[in-house]
């Protein structure tokens, strides 16, 4: 069994096959392009989210710095350094010793035994 095709029939079959192949390539190209666009969109969304988080992080760091500076400025008014406390106690004790010494002198002058 042999097929005999006229040249126009061969041309129609070849053009149909080529058209089908080109159509399939276009469909695949559109699907690939759509997939790439979706990937770009999700990547852009992630980049925007990271950018928002970075801005929020910077704001939080600035807030912490501000609070720390306020703490440093307020600290001398709320807390006493150990050396300052010891110096204050030494002055108070010296004054008490001086008062006790004066009392002893007064008692000695009046003849009262301490």
PDB file of N, CA and C in Angstrom:
ATOM      1  N   UNK A   1       0.825  -1.149   0.000  1.00  0.00           N
ATOM      2  CA  UNK A   1       0.000   0.000   0.000  1.00  0.00           C
ATOM      3  C   UNK A   1       0.896   1.248   0.000  1.00  0.00           C
ATOM      4  N   UNK A   2       0.676   2.056  -0.935  1.00  0.00           N
ATOM      5  CA  UNK A   2       1.465   3.266  -1.065  1.00  0.00           C
ATOM      6  C   UNK A   2       0.541   4.469  -1.014  1.00  0.00           C
ATOM      7  N   UNK A   3       1.087   5.489  -0.443  1.00  0.00           N
ATOM      8  CA  UNK A   3       0.344   6.749  -0.374  1.00  0.00           C
ATOM      9  C   UNK A   3       0.916   7.683  -1.422  1.00  0.00           C
ATOM     10  N   UNK A   4       0.055   8.265  -2.104  1.00  0.00           N
ATOM     11  CA  UNK A   4       0.495   9.275  -3.043  1.00  0.00           C
ATOM     12  C   UNK A   4      -0.111  10.600  -2.609  1.00  0.00           C
ATOM     13  N   UNK A   5       0.769  11.536  -2.360  1.00  0.00           N
ATOM     14  CA  UNK A   5       0.311  12.838  -1.917  1.00  0.00           C
ATOM     15  C   UNK A   5       0.692  13.880  -2.954  1.00  0.00           C
ATOM     16  N   UNK A   6      -0.187  14.746  -3.136  1.00  0.00           N
ATOM     17  CA  UNK A   6       0.071  15.863  -4.027  1.00  0.00           C
ATOM     18  C   UNK A   6       0.947  16.868  -3.267  1.00  0.00           C
ATOM     19  N   UNK A   7       1.690  17.702  -3.955  1.00  0.00           N
ATOM     20  CA  UNK A   7       2.552  18.667  -3.274  1.00  0.00           C
ATOM     21  C   UNK A   7       1.782  19.599  -2.338  1.00  0.00           C
ATOM     22  N   UNK A   8       0.594  20.003  -2.696  1.00  0.00           N
ATOM     23  CA  UNK A   8      -0.166  20.888  -1.811  1.00  0.00           C
ATOM     24  C   UNK A   8      -0.574  20.162  -0.536  1.00  0.00           C
ATOM     25  N   UNK A   9      -0.828  18.842  -0.613  1.00  0.00           N
ATOM     26  CA  UNK A   9      -1.178  18.068   0.563  1.00  0.00           C
ATOM     27  C   UNK A   9       0.031  17.935   1.502  1.00  0.00           C
ATOM     28  N   UNK A  10       1.235  17.741   0.916  1.00  0.00           N
ATOM     29  CA  UNK A  10       2.456  17.659   1.712  1.00  0.00           C
ATOM     30  C   UNK A  10       2.686  19.010   2.405  1.00  0.00           C
ATOM     31  N   UNK A  11       2.451  20.096   1.635  1.00  0.00           N
ATOM     32  CA  UNK A  11       2.612  21.423   2.202  1.00  0.00           C
ATOM     33  C   UNK A  11       1.626  21.643   3.347  1.00  0.00           C
ATOM     34  N   UNK A  12       0.398  21.229   3.233  1.00  0.00           N
ATOM     35  CA  UNK A  12      -0.611  21.395   4.291  1.00  0.00           C
ATOM     36  C   UNK A  12      -0.224  20.575   5.517  1.00  0.00           C
ATOM     37  N   UNK A  13       0.222  19.344   5.325  1.00  0.00           N
ATOM     38  CA  UNK A  13       0.603  18.491   6.453  1.00  0.00           C
ATOM     39  C   UNK A  13       1.818  19.088   7.168  1.00  0.00           C
ATOM     40  N   UNK A  14       2.829  19.517   6.400  1.00  0.00           N
ATOM     41  CA  UNK A  14       4.023  20.119   7.011  1.00  0.00           C
ATOM     42  C   UNK A  14       3.668  21.420   7.730  1.00  0.00           C
ATOM     43  N   UNK A  15       2.839  22.261   7.108  1.00  0.00           N
ATOM     44  CA  UNK A  15       2.474  23.517   7.765  1.00  0.00           C
ATOM     45  C   UNK A  15       1.642  23.255   9.014  1.00  0.00           C
ATOM     46  N   UNK A  16       0.790  22.235   9.003  1.00  0.00           N
ATOM     47  CA  UNK A  16       0.020  21.886  10.192  1.00  0.00           C
ATOM     48  C   UNK A  16       0.949  21.394  11.301  1.00  0.00           C
ATOM     49  N   UNK A  17       1.909  20.543  10.951  1.00  0.00           N
ATOM     50  CA  UNK A  17       2.845  20.026  11.947  1.00  0.00           C
ATOM     51  C   UNK A  17       3.694  21.162  12.513  1.00  0.00           C
ATOM     52  N   UNK A  18       4.199  22.018  11.640  1.00  0.00           N
ATOM     53  CA  UNK A  18       5.020  23.149  12.091  1.00  0.00           C
ATOM     54  C   UNK A  18       4.179  24.095  12.947  1.00  0.00           C
ATOM     55  N   UNK A  19       2.933  24.346  12.549  1.00  0.00           N
ATOM     56  CA  UNK A  19       2.039  25.197  13.330  1.00  0.00           C
ATOM     57  C   UNK A  19       1.770  24.606  14.708  1.00  0.00           C
ATOM     58  N   UNK A  20       1.570  23.274  14.765  1.00  0.00           N
ATOM     59  CA  UNK A  20       1.328  22.617  16.044  1.00  0.00           C
ATOM     60  C   UNK A  20       2.562  22.738  16.941  1.00  0.00           C
ATOM     61  N   UNK A  21       3.740  22.538  16.331  1.00  0.00           N
ATOM     62  CA  UNK A  21       4.977  22.646  17.116  1.00  0.00           C
ATOM     63  C   UNK A  21       5.160  24.082  17.611  1.00  0.00           C
ATOM     64  N   UNK A  22       4.942  25.063  16.746  1.00  0.00           N
ATOM     65  CA  UNK A  22       5.077  26.468  17.148  1.00  0.00           C
ATOM     66  C   UNK A  22       4.059  26.801  18.231  1.00  0.00           C
ATOM     67  N   UNK A  23       2.830  26.316  18.088  1.00  0.00           N
ATOM     68  CA  UNK A  23       1.800  26.551  19.103  1.00  0.00           C
ATOM     69  C   UNK A  23       2.193  25.966  20.450  1.00  0.00           C
ATOM     70  N   UNK A  24       2.726  24.753  20.438  1.00  0.00           N
ATOM     71  CA  UNK A  24       3.152  24.121  21.679  1.00  0.00           C
ATOM     72  C   UNK A  24       4.307  24.906  22.312  1.00  0.00           C
ATOM     73  N   UNK A  25       5.227  25.382  21.474  1.00  0.00           N
ATOM     74  CA  UNK A  25       6.344  26.170  21.988  1.00  0.00           C
ATOM     75  C   UNK A  25       5.832  27.459  22.613  1.00  0.00           C
ATOM     76  N   UNK A  26       4.848  28.113  21.957  1.00  0.00           N
ATOM     77  CA  UNK A  26       4.286  29.349  22.522  1.00  0.00           C
ATOM     78  C   UNK A  26       3.587  29.085  23.847  1.00  0.00           C
ATOM     79  N   UNK A  27       2.821  27.985  23.927  1.00  0.00           N
ATOM     80  CA  UNK A  27       2.129  27.644  25.179  1.00  0.00           C
ATOM     81  C   UNK A  27       3.150  27.384  26.286  1.00  0.00           C
ATOM     82  N   UNK A  28       4.198  26.603  25.958  1.00  0.00           N
ATOM     83  CA  UNK A  28       5.223  26.327  26.960  1.00  0.00           C
ATOM     84  C   UNK A  28       5.942  27.615  27.360  1.00  0.00           C
ATOM     85  N   UNK A  29       6.224  28.484  26.378  1.00  0.00           N
ATOM     86  CA  UNK A  29       6.875  29.757  26.678  1.00  0.00           C
ATOM     87  C   UNK A  29       6.013  30.615  27.583  1.00  0.00           C
ATOM     88  N   UNK A  30       4.703  30.649  27.326  1.00  0.00           N
ATOM     89  CA  UNK A  30       3.802  31.421  28.186  1.00  0.00           C
ATOM     90  C   UNK A  30       3.762  30.851  29.600  1.00  0.00           C
ATOM     91  N   UNK A  31       3.752  29.523  29.732  1.00  0.00           N
ATOM     92  CA  UNK A  31       3.746  28.911  31.055  1.00  0.00           C
ATOM     93  C   UNK A  31       5.055  29.205  31.792  1.00  0.00           C
ATOM     94  N   UNK A  32       6.170  29.126  31.082  1.00  0.00           N
ATOM     95  CA  UNK A  32       7.460  29.425  31.698  1.00  0.00           C
ATOM     96  C   UNK A  32       7.501  30.888  32.135  1.00  0.00           C
ATOM     97  N   UNK A  33       7.020  31.782  31.251  1.00  0.00           N
ATOM     98  CA  UNK A  33       6.993  33.204  31.580  1.00  0.00           C
ATOM     99  C   UNK A  33       6.099  33.471  32.790  1.00  0.00           C
ATOM    100  N   UNK A  34       4.940  32.817  32.843  1.00  0.00           N
ATOM    101  CA  UNK A  34       4.033  32.979  33.979  1.00  0.00           C
ATOM    102  C   UNK A  34       4.694  32.497  35.272  1.00  0.00           C
ATOM    103  N   UNK A  35       5.385  31.359  35.204  1.00  0.00           N
ATOM    104  CA  UNK A  35       6.081  30.818  36.378  1.00  0.00           C
ATOM    105  C   UNK A  35       7.186  31.767  36.833  1.00  0.00           C
ATOM    106  N   UNK A  36       7.936  32.321  35.885  1.00  0.00           N
ATOM    107  CA  UNK A  36       8.999  33.260  36.231  1.00  0.00           C
ATOM    108  C   UNK A  36       8.405  34.507  36.874  1.00  0.00           C
ATOM    109  N   UNK A  37       7.294  35.017  36.340  1.00  0.00           N
ATOM    110  CA  UNK A  37       6.641  36.193  36.918  1.00  0.00           C
ATOM    111  C   UNK A  37       6.189  35.925  38.350  1.00  0.00           C
ATOM    112  N   UNK A  38       5.625  34.746  38.594  1.00  0.00           N
ATOM    113  CA  UNK A  38       5.201  34.394  39.950  1.00  0.00           C
ATOM    114  C   UNK A  38       6.402  34.346  40.890  1.00  0.00           C
ATOM    115  N   UNK A  39       7.506  33.793  40.410  1.00  0.00           N
ATOM    116  CA  UNK A  39       8.717  33.738  41.236  1.00  0.00           C
ATOM    117  C   UNK A  39       9.229  35.135  41.544  1.00  0.00           C
ATOM    118  N   UNK A  40       9.228  36.019  40.542  1.00  0.00           N
ATOM    119  CA  UNK A  40       9.662  37.396  40.768  1.00  0.00           C
ATOM    120  C   UNK A  40       8.751  38.100  41.763  1.00  0.00           C
ATOM    121  N   UNK A  41       7.445  37.892  41.637  1.00  0.00           N
ATOM    122  CA  UNK A  41       6.503  38.538  42.558  1.00  0.00           C
ATOM    123  C   UNK A  41       6.713  38.059  43.986  1.00  0.00           C
ATOM    124  N   UNK A  42       6.875  36.746  44.162  1.00  0.00           N
ATOM    125  CA  UNK A  42       7.086  36.243  45.524  1.00  0.00           C
ATOM    126  C   UNK A  42       8.430  36.732  46.073  1.00  0.00           C
ATOM    127  N   UNK A  43       9.455  36.799  45.223  1.00  0.00           N
ATOM    128  CA  UNK A  43      10.752  37.313  45.661  1.00  0.00           C
ATOM    129  C   UNK A  43      10.638  38.786  46.047  1.00  0.00           C
ATOM    130  N   UNK A  44       9.927  39.567  45.244  1.00  0.00           N
ATOM    131  CA  UNK A  44       9.739  40.984  45.567  1.00  0.00           C
ATOM    132  C   UNK A  44       8.975  41.158  46.874  1.00  0.00           C
ATOM    133  N   UNK A  45       7.953  40.314  47.101  1.00  0.00           N
ATOM    134  CA  UNK A  45       7.203  40.381  48.358  1.00  0.00           C
ATOM    135  C   UNK A  45       8.110  40.068  49.536  1.00  0.00           C
ATOM    136  N   UNK A  46       8.946  39.054  49.379  1.00  0.00           N
ATOM    137  CA  UNK A  46       9.870  38.705  50.459  1.00  0.00           C
ATOM    138  C   UNK A  46      10.871  39.822  50.705  1.00  0.00           C
ATOM    139  N   UNK A  47      11.361  40.441  49.643  1.00  0.00           N
ATOM    140  CA  UNK A  47      12.307  41.553  49.798  1.00  0.00           C
ATOM    141  C   UNK A  47      11.632  42.713  50.513  1.00  0.00           C
ATOM    142  N   UNK A  48      10.389  43.023  50.163  1.00  0.00           N
ATOM    143  CA  UNK A  48       9.650  44.104  50.823  1.00  0.00           C
ATOM    144  C   UNK A  48       9.421  43.786  52.296  1.00  0.00           C
ATOM    145  N   UNK A  49       9.116  42.516  52.586  1.00  0.00           N
ATOM    146  CA  UNK A  49       8.905  42.117  53.982  1.00  0.00           C
ATOM    147  C   UNK A  49      10.193  42.255  54.788  1.00  0.00           C
ATOM    148  N   UNK A  50      11.306  41.832  54.200  1.00  0.00           N
ATOM    149  CA  UNK A  50      12.599  41.967  54.887  1.00  0.00           C
ATOM    150  C   UNK A  50      12.928  43.443  55.075  1.00  0.00           C
ATOM    151  N   UNK A  51      12.607  44.255  54.080  1.00  0.00           N
ATOM    152  CA  UNK A  51      12.851  45.693  54.196  1.00  0.00           C
ATOM    153  C   UNK A  51      12.030  46.293  55.327  1.00  0.00           C
ATOM    154  N   UNK A  52      10.761  45.905  55.431  1.00  0.00           N
ATOM    155  CA  UNK A  52       9.918  46.405  56.530  1.00  0.00           C
ATOM    156  C   UNK A  52      10.470  45.945  57.876  1.00  0.00           C
ATOM    157  N   UNK A  53      10.920  44.710  57.953  1.00  0.00           N
ATOM    158  CA  UNK A  53      11.484  44.210  59.199  1.00  0.00           C
ATOM    159  C   UNK A  53      12.774  44.952  59.544  1.00  0.00           C
ATOM    160  N   UNK A  54      13.575  45.288  58.531  1.00  0.00           N
ATOM    161  CA  UNK A  54      14.812  46.032  58.786  1.00  0.00           C
ATOM    162  C   UNK A  54      14.493  47.426  59.313  1.00  0.00           C
ATOM    163  N   UNK A  55      13.487  48.073  58.726  1.00  0.00           N
ATOM    164  CA  UNK A  55      13.102  49.404  59.197  1.00  0.00           C
ATOM    165  C   UNK A  55      12.589  49.320  60.624  1.00  0.00           C
ATOM    166  N   UNK A  56      11.768  48.301  60.895  1.00  0.00           N
ATOM    167  CA  UNK A  56      11.244  48.116  62.255  1.00  0.00           C
ATOM    168  C   UNK A  56      12.388  47.850  63.230  1.00  0.00           C
ATOM    169  N   UNK A  57      13.362  47.040  62.820  1.00  0.00           N
ATOM    170  CA  UNK A  57      14.514  46.750  63.670  1.00  0.00           C
ATOM    171  C   UNK A  57      15.322  48.006  63.959  1.00  0.00           C
ATOM    172  N   UNK A  58      15.500  48.860  62.936  1.00  0.00           N
ATOM    173  CA  UNK A  58      16.218  50.110  63.144  1.00  0.00           C
ATOM    174  C   UNK A  58      15.473  51.010  64.125  1.00  0.00           C
ATOM    175  N   UNK A  59      14.155  51.049  64.016  1.00  0.00           N
ATOM    176  CA  UNK A  59      13.365  51.859  64.950  1.00  0.00           C
ATOM    177  C   UNK A  59      13.504  51.328  66.373  1.00  0.00           C
ATOM    178  N   UNK A  60      13.486  50.003  66.512  1.00  0.00           N
ATOM    179  CA  UNK A  60      13.640  49.412  67.840  1.00  0.00           C
ATOM    180  C   UNK A  60      15.026  49.712  68.411  1.00  0.00           C
ATOM    181  N   UNK A  61      16.050  49.663  67.572  1.00  0.00           N
ATOM    182  CA  UNK A  61      17.403  49.977  68.043  1.00  0.00           C
ATOM    183  C   UNK A  61      17.476  51.431  68.491  1.00  0.00           C
ATOM    184  N   UNK A  62      16.877  52.337  67.709  1.00  0.00           N
ATOM    185  CA  UNK A  62      16.870  53.752  68.105  1.00  0.00           C
ATOM    186  C   UNK A  62      16.142  53.940  69.433  1.00  0.00           C
ATOM    187  N   UNK A  63      15.026  53.231  69.613  1.00  0.00           N
ATOM    188  CA  UNK A  63      14.270  53.326  70.864  1.00  0.00           C
ATOM    189  C   UNK A  63      15.110  52.820  72.031  1.00  0.00           C
ATOM    190  N   UNK A  64      15.808  51.705  71.838  1.00  0.00           N
ATOM    191  CA  UNK A  64      16.684  51.178  72.894  1.00  0.00           C
ATOM    192  C   UNK A  64      17.814  52.154  73.213  1.00  0.00           C
ATOM    193  N   UNK A  65      18.400  52.747  72.172  1.00  0.00           N
ATOM    194  CA  UNK A  65      19.459  53.726  72.415  1.00  0.00           C
ATOM    195  C   UNK A  65      18.922  54.911  73.215  1.00  0.00           C
ATOM    196  N   UNK A  66      17.724  55.388  72.854  1.00  0.00           N
ATOM    197  CA  UNK A  66      17.126  56.519  73.566  1.00  0.00           C
ATOM    198  C   UNK A  66      16.878  56.162  75.024  1.00  0.00           C
ATOM    199  N   UNK A  67      16.321  54.968  75.266  1.00  0.00           N
ATOM    200  CA  UNK A  67      16.061  54.538  76.641  1.00  0.00           C
ATOM    201  C   UNK A  67      17.365  54.396  77.423  1.00  0.00           C
ATOM    202  N   UNK A  68      18.397  53.868  76.772  1.00  0.00           N
ATOM    203  CA  UNK A  68      19.684  53.706  77.450  1.00  0.00           C
ATOM    204  C   UNK A  68      20.270  55.058  77.816  1.00  0.00           C
ATOM    205  N   UNK A  69      20.189  56.016  76.885  1.00  0.00           N
ATOM    206  CA  UNK A  69      20.710  57.355  77.190  1.00  0.00           C
ATOM    207  C   UNK A  69      19.921  58.002  78.323  1.00  0.00           C
ATOM    208  N   UNK A  70      18.598  57.802  78.338  1.00  0.00           N
ATOM    209  CA  UNK A  70      17.795  58.315  79.454  1.00  0.00           C
ATOM    210  C   UNK A  70      18.219  57.654  80.761  1.00  0.00           C
ATOM    211  N   UNK A  71      18.467  56.362  80.717  1.00  0.00           N
ATOM    212  CA  UNK A  71      18.914  55.636  81.907  1.00  0.00           C
ATOM    213  C   UNK A  71      20.246  56.183  82.395  1.00  0.00           C
ATOM    214  N   UNK A  72      21.190  56.400  81.470  1.00  0.00           N
ATOM    215  CA  UNK A  72      22.488  56.934  81.859  1.00  0.00           C
ATOM    216  C   UNK A  72      22.348  58.326  82.470  1.00  0.00           C
ATOM    217  N   UNK A  73      21.439  59.140  81.921  1.00  0.00           N
ATOM    218  CA  UNK A  73      21.256  60.487  82.454  1.00  0.00           C
ATOM    219  C   UNK A  73      20.581  60.455  83.817  1.00  0.00           C
ATOM    220  N   UNK A  74      19.691  59.495  84.026  1.00  0.00           N
ATOM    221  CA  UNK A  74      18.923  59.409  85.273  1.00  0.00           C
ATOM    222  C   UNK A  74      19.667  58.655  86.374  1.00  0.00           C
ATOM    223  N   UNK A  75      20.645  57.866  85.999  1.00  0.00           N
ATOM    224  CA  UNK A  75      21.325  56.991  86.959  1.00  0.00           C
ATOM    225  C   UNK A  75      21.965  57.741  88.131  1.00  0.00           C
ATOM    226  N   UNK A  76      22.661  58.858  87.927  1.00  0.00           N
ATOM    227  CA  UNK A  76      23.281  59.528  89.086  1.00  0.00           C
ATOM    228  C   UNK A  76      22.258  60.019  90.109  1.00  0.00           C
ATOM    229  N   UNK A  77      21.042  60.262  89.680  1.00  0.00           N
ATOM    230  CA  UNK A  77      20.024  60.749  90.604  1.00  0.00           C
ATOM    231  C   UNK A  77      19.354  59.611  91.378  1.00  0.00           C
ATOM    232  N   UNK A  78      19.419  58.397  90.856  1.00  0.00           N
ATOM    233  CA  UNK A  78      18.749  57.267  91.507  1.00  0.00           C
ATOM    234  C   UNK A  78      19.680  56.399  92.345  1.00  0.00           C
ATOM    235  N   UNK A  79      20.917  56.342  91.970  1.00  0.00           N
ATOM    236  CA  UNK A  79      21.837  55.429  92.639  1.00  0.00           C
ATOM    237  C   UNK A  79      23.021  56.190  93.221  1.00  0.00           C
ATOM    238  N   UNK A  80      23.566  55.644  94.297  1.00  0.00           N
ATOM    239  CA  UNK A  80      24.737  56.232  94.933  1.00  0.00           C
ATOM    240  C   UNK A  80      25.899  55.277  94.706  1.00  0.00           C
ATOM    241  N   UNK A  81      27.012  55.833  94.282  1.00  0.00           N
ATOM    242  CA  UNK A  81      28.189  54.999  94.071  1.00  0.00           C
ATOM    243  C   UNK A  81      28.715  54.513  95.419  1.00  0.00           C
ATOM    244  N   UNK A  82      29.329  53.369  95.435  1.00  0.00           N
ATOM    245  CA  UNK A  82      29.844  52.785  96.678  1.00  0.00           C
ATOM    246  C   UNK A  82      30.841  53.722  97.347  1.00  0.00           C
ATOM    247  N   UNK A  83      31.737  54.308  96.554  1.00  0.00           N
ATOM    248  CA  UNK A  83      32.730  55.233  97.113  1.00  0.00           C
ATOM    249  C   UNK A  83      32.056  56.453  97.735  1.00  0.00           C
ATOM    250  N   UNK A  84      31.025  56.965  97.062  1.00  0.00           N
ATOM    251  CA  UNK A  84      30.311  58.125  97.611  1.00  0.00           C
ATOM    252  C   UNK A  84      29.631  57.761  98.931  1.00  0.00           C
ATOM    253  N   UNK A  85      29.051  56.572  99.005  1.00  0.00           N
ATOM    254  CA  UNK A  85      28.393  56.132 100.237  1.00  0.00           C
ATOM    255  C   UNK A  85      29.405  56.007 101.375  1.00  0.00           C
ATOM    256  N   UNK A  86      30.542  55.389 101.063  1.00  0.00           N
ATOM    257  CA  UNK A  86      31.578  55.214 102.092  1.00  0.00           C
ATOM    258  C   UNK A  86      32.079  56.572 102.572  1.00  0.00           C
ATOM    259  N   UNK A  87      32.289  57.503 101.642  1.00  0.00           N
ATOM    260  CA  UNK A  87      32.746  58.841 102.009  1.00  0.00           C
ATOM    261  C   UNK A  87      31.708  59.530 102.895  1.00  0.00           C
ATOM    262  N   UNK A  88      30.426  59.426 102.532  1.00  0.00           N
ATOM    263  CA  UNK A  88      29.363  60.027 103.347  1.00  0.00           C
ATOM    264  C   UNK A  88      29.306  59.416 104.732  1.00  0.00           C
ATOM    265  N   UNK A  89      29.414  58.093 104.831  1.00  0.00           N
ATOM    266  CA  UNK A  89      29.404  57.413 106.124  1.00  0.00           C
ATOM    267  C   UNK A  89      30.599  57.840 106.976  1.00  0.00           C
ATOM    268  N   UNK A  90      31.754  57.988 106.345  1.00  0.00           N
ATOM    269  CA  UNK A  90      32.955  58.399 107.073  1.00  0.00           C
ATOM    270  C   UNK A  90      32.761  59.791 107.669  1.00  0.00           C
ATOM    271  N   UNK A  91      32.171  60.688 106.892  1.00  0.00           N
ATOM    272  CA  UNK A  91      31.929  62.050 107.393  1.00  0.00           C
ATOM    273  C   UNK A  91      30.960  62.006 108.566  1.00  0.00           C
ATOM    274  N   UNK A  92      29.877  61.230 108.447  1.00  0.00           N
ATOM    275  CA  UNK A  92      28.886  61.133 109.530  1.00  0.00           C
ATOM    276  C   UNK A  92      29.525  60.552 110.788  1.00  0.00           C
ATOM    277  N   UNK A  93      30.302  59.480 110.614  1.00  0.00           N
ATOM    278  CA  UNK A  93      30.953  58.864 111.775  1.00  0.00           C
ATOM    279  C   UNK A  93      31.955  59.813 112.418  1.00  0.00           C
ATOM    280  N   UNK A  94      32.671  60.592 111.613  1.00  0.00           N
ATOM    281  CA  UNK A  94      33.620  61.558 112.173  1.00  0.00           C
ATOM    282  C   UNK A  94      32.888  62.621 112.982  1.00  0.00           C
ATOM    283  N   UNK A  95      31.760  63.066 112.481  1.00  0.00           N
ATOM    284  CA  UNK A  95      30.972  64.059 113.217  1.00  0.00           C
ATOM    285  C   UNK A  95      30.423  63.467 114.511  1.00  0.00           C
ATOM    286  N   UNK A  96      29.960  62.219 114.468  1.00  0.00           N
ATOM    287  CA  UNK A  96      29.466  61.568 115.691  1.00  0.00           C
ATOM    288  C   UNK A  96      30.592  61.405 116.703  1.00  0.00           C
ATOM    289  N   UNK A  97      31.787  61.041 116.224  1.00  0.00           N
ATOM    290  CA  UNK A  97      32.931  60.913 117.127  1.00  0.00           C
ATOM    291  C   UNK A  97      33.262  62.262 117.769  1.00  0.00           C
ATOM    292  N   UNK A  98      33.176  63.341 116.975  1.00  0.00           N
ATOM    293  CA  UNK A  98      33.460  64.681 117.521  1.00  0.00           C
ATOM    294  C   UNK A  98      32.426  65.061 118.563  1.00  0.00           C
ATOM    295  N   UNK A  99      31.152  64.744 118.311  1.00  0.00           N
ATOM    296  CA  UNK A  99      30.103  65.047 119.296  1.00  0.00           C
ATOM    297  C   UNK A  99      30.318  64.218 120.563  1.00  0.00           C
ATOM    298  N   UNK A 100      30.666  62.936 120.397  1.00  0.00           N
ATOM    299  CA  UNK A 100      30.908  62.074 121.556  1.00  0.00           C
ATOM    300  C   UNK A 100      32.089  62.600 122.366  1.00  0.00           C
ATOM    301  N   UNK A 101      33.111  63.073 121.695  1.00  0.00           N
ATOM    302  CA  UNK A 101      34.276  63.605 122.390  1.00  0.00           C
ATOM    303  C   UNK A 101      33.915  64.873 123.171  1.00  0.00           C
ATOM    304  N   UNK A 102      33.114  65.723 122.561  1.00  0.00           N
ATOM    305  CA  UNK A 102      32.675  66.934 123.258  1.00  0.00           C
ATOM    306  C   UNK A 102      31.816  66.581 124.469  1.00  0.00           C
ATOM    307  N   UNK A 103      30.957  65.583 124.349  1.00  0.00           N
ATOM    308  CA  UNK A 103      30.136  65.152 125.476  1.00  0.00           C
ATOM    309  C   UNK A 103      31.016  64.645 126.616  1.00  0.00           C
ATOM    310  N   UNK A 104      32.042  63.888 126.252  1.00  0.00           N
ATOM    311  CA  UNK A 104      32.962  63.377 127.280  1.00  0.00           C
ATOM    312  C   UNK A 104      33.638  64.542 128.013  1.00  0.00           C
ATOM    313  N   UNK A 105      34.056  65.554 127.238  1.00  0.00           N
ATOM    314  CA  UNK A 105      34.710  66.705 127.858  1.00  0.00           C
ATOM    315  C   UNK A 105      33.745  67.444 128.788  1.00  0.00           C
ATOM    316  N   UNK A 106      32.514  67.593 128.376  1.00  0.00           N
ATOM    317  CA  UNK A 106      31.516  68.268 129.209  1.00  0.00           C
ATOM    318  C   UNK A 106      31.266  67.457 130.474  1.00  0.00           C
ATOM    319  N   UNK A 107      31.156  66.144 130.329  1.00  0.00           N
ATOM    320  CA  UNK A 107      30.912  65.288 131.487  1.00  0.00           C
ATOM    321  C   UNK A 107      32.093  65.329 132.437  1.00  0.00           C
ATOM    322  N   UNK A 108      33.319  65.369 131.924  1.00  0.00           N
ATOM    323  CA  UNK A 108      34.507  65.435 132.757  1.00  0.00           C
ATOM    324  C   UNK A 108      34.514  66.763 133.537  1.00  0.00           C
ATOM    325  N   UNK A 109      34.157  67.859 132.859  1.00  0.00           N
ATOM    326  CA  UNK A 109      34.145  69.164 133.506  1.00  0.00           C
ATOM    327  C   UNK A 109      33.094  69.201 134.626  1.00  0.00           C
ATOM    328  N   UNK A 110      31.997  68.532 134.411  1.00  0.00           N
ATOM    329  CA  UNK A 110      30.940  68.562 135.423  1.00  0.00           C
ATOM    330  C   UNK A 110      31.163  67.491 136.481  1.00  0.00           C
ATOM    331  N   UNK A 111      32.136  66.680 136.298  1.00  0.00           N
ATOM    332  CA  UNK A 111      32.452  65.684 137.298  1.00  0.00           C
ATOM    333  C   UNK A 111      31.617  64.421 137.160  1.00  0.00           C
ATOM    334  N   UNK A 112      30.990  64.229 136.066  1.00  0.00           N
ATOM    335  CA  UNK A 112      30.192  63.017 135.841  1.00  0.00           C
ATOM    336  C   UNK A 112      31.102  62.009 135.165  1.00  0.00           C
ATOM    337  N   UNK A 113      31.040  60.783 135.651  1.00  0.00           N
ATOM    338  CA  UNK A 113      31.877  59.754 135.061  1.00  0.00           C
ATOM    339  C   UNK A 113      31.162  59.171 133.839  1.00  0.00           C
ATOM    340  N   UNK A 114      31.888  59.080 132.787  1.00  0.00           N
ATOM    341  CA  UNK A 114      31.284  58.543 131.538  1.00  0.00           C
ATOM    342  C   UNK A 114      31.067  57.068 131.607  1.00  0.00           C
TER     343      UNK A 114
END
